[in-house]
Amino acid sequence: MVILGIILIVLGLVVDLQILLIIGVILLIVGLVMNFVPIGGTRRRYY
């Protein structure tokens, strides 16, 4: 999810579409939160 967010941010900057940039930032933030916050246990999970 983090990689997809980075790809969408880069595409949003290259193509100059704000909606891709916004979706990319949201996916990047959600991916990082899912990475660092253990949901459903104490183990760190990598998505």
C-alpha atoms as a PDB file:
ATOM      1  CA  MET A   1       0.000   0.000   0.000  1.00  0.00           C
ATOM      2  CA  VAL A   2       2.917   2.317   0.713  1.00  0.00           C
ATOM      3  CA  ILE A   3       4.459   1.583  -2.678  1.00  0.00           C
ATOM      4  CA  LEU A   4       1.138   2.202  -4.423  1.00  0.00           C
ATOM      5  CA  GLY A   5       0.844   5.516  -2.590  1.00  0.00           C
ATOM      6  CA  ILE A   6       4.320   6.578  -3.711  1.00  0.00           C
ATOM      7  CA  ILE A   7       3.536   5.605  -7.314  1.00  0.00           C
ATOM      8  CA  LEU A   8       0.319   7.622  -7.271  1.00  0.00           C
ATOM      9  CA  ILE A   9       2.110  10.642  -5.779  1.00  0.00           C
ATOM     10  CA  VAL A  10       4.737  10.529  -8.519  1.00  0.00           C
ATOM     11  CA  LEU A  11       2.086  10.106 -11.221  1.00  0.00           C
ATOM     12  CA  GLY A  12       0.082  12.965  -9.748  1.00  0.00           C
ATOM     13  CA  LEU A  13       3.121  15.240  -9.875  1.00  0.00           C
ATOM     14  CA  VAL A  14       4.129  14.211 -13.407  1.00  0.00           C
ATOM     15  CA  VAL A  15       0.652  14.346 -14.942  1.00  0.00           C
ATOM     16  CA  ASP A  16      -0.328  17.320 -12.728  1.00  0.00           C
ATOM     17  CA  LEU A  17      -3.566  15.805 -11.465  1.00  0.00           C
ATOM     18  CA  GLN A  18      -4.461  16.826  -7.915  1.00  0.00           C
ATOM     19  CA  ILE A  19      -6.793  13.867  -7.322  1.00  0.00           C
ATOM     20  CA  LEU A  20      -3.972  11.352  -7.895  1.00  0.00           C
ATOM     21  CA  LEU A  21      -1.760  13.305  -5.541  1.00  0.00           C
ATOM     22  CA  ILE A  22      -4.418  13.358  -2.811  1.00  0.00           C
ATOM     23  CA  ILE A  23      -5.210   9.639  -3.161  1.00  0.00           C
ATOM     24  CA  GLY A  24      -1.485   8.839  -3.123  1.00  0.00           C
ATOM     25  CA  VAL A  25      -0.925  10.783   0.097  1.00  0.00           C
ATOM     26  CA  ILE A  26      -3.909   9.094   1.755  1.00  0.00           C
ATOM     27  CA  LEU A  27      -2.696   5.623   0.737  1.00  0.00           C
ATOM     28  CA  LEU A  28       0.821   6.430   1.924  1.00  0.00           C
ATOM     29  CA  ILE A  29      -0.417   7.553   5.348  1.00  0.00           C
ATOM     30  CA  VAL A  30      -2.745   4.554   5.752  1.00  0.00           C
ATOM     31  CA  GLY A  31       0.032   2.180   4.695  1.00  0.00           C
ATOM     32  CA  LEU A  32       2.460   3.640   7.210  1.00  0.00           C
ATOM     33  CA  VAL A  33      -0.117   3.485   9.999  1.00  0.00           C
ATOM     34  CA  MET A  34      -0.865  -0.149   9.190  1.00  0.00           C
ATOM     35  CA  ASN A  35       2.860  -0.859   9.223  1.00  0.00           C
ATOM     36  CA  PHE A  36       3.695   0.683  12.585  1.00  0.00           C
ATOM     37  CA  VAL A  37       0.514   0.102  14.602  1.00  0.00           C
ATOM     38  CA  PRO A  38      -0.008  -3.524  15.570  1.00  0.00           C
ATOM     39  CA  ILE A  39      -3.653  -4.322  14.864  1.00  0.00           C
ATOM     40  CA  GLY A  40      -4.973  -7.487  16.438  1.00  0.00           C
ATOM     41  CA  GLY A  41      -1.832  -8.406  18.345  1.00  0.00           C
ATOM     42  CA  THR A  42       1.556  -7.280  19.521  1.00  0.00           C
ATOM     43  CA  ARG A  43       3.501  -8.425  16.466  1.00  0.00           C
ATOM     44  CA  ARG A  44       4.548  -5.917  13.847  1.00  0.00           C
ATOM     45  CA  ARG A  45       3.049  -6.872  10.498  1.00  0.00           C
ATOM     46  CA  TYR A  46       4.321  -5.863   7.096  1.00  0.00           C
ATOM     47  CA  TYR A  47       1.805  -5.252   4.357  1.00  0.00           C
END
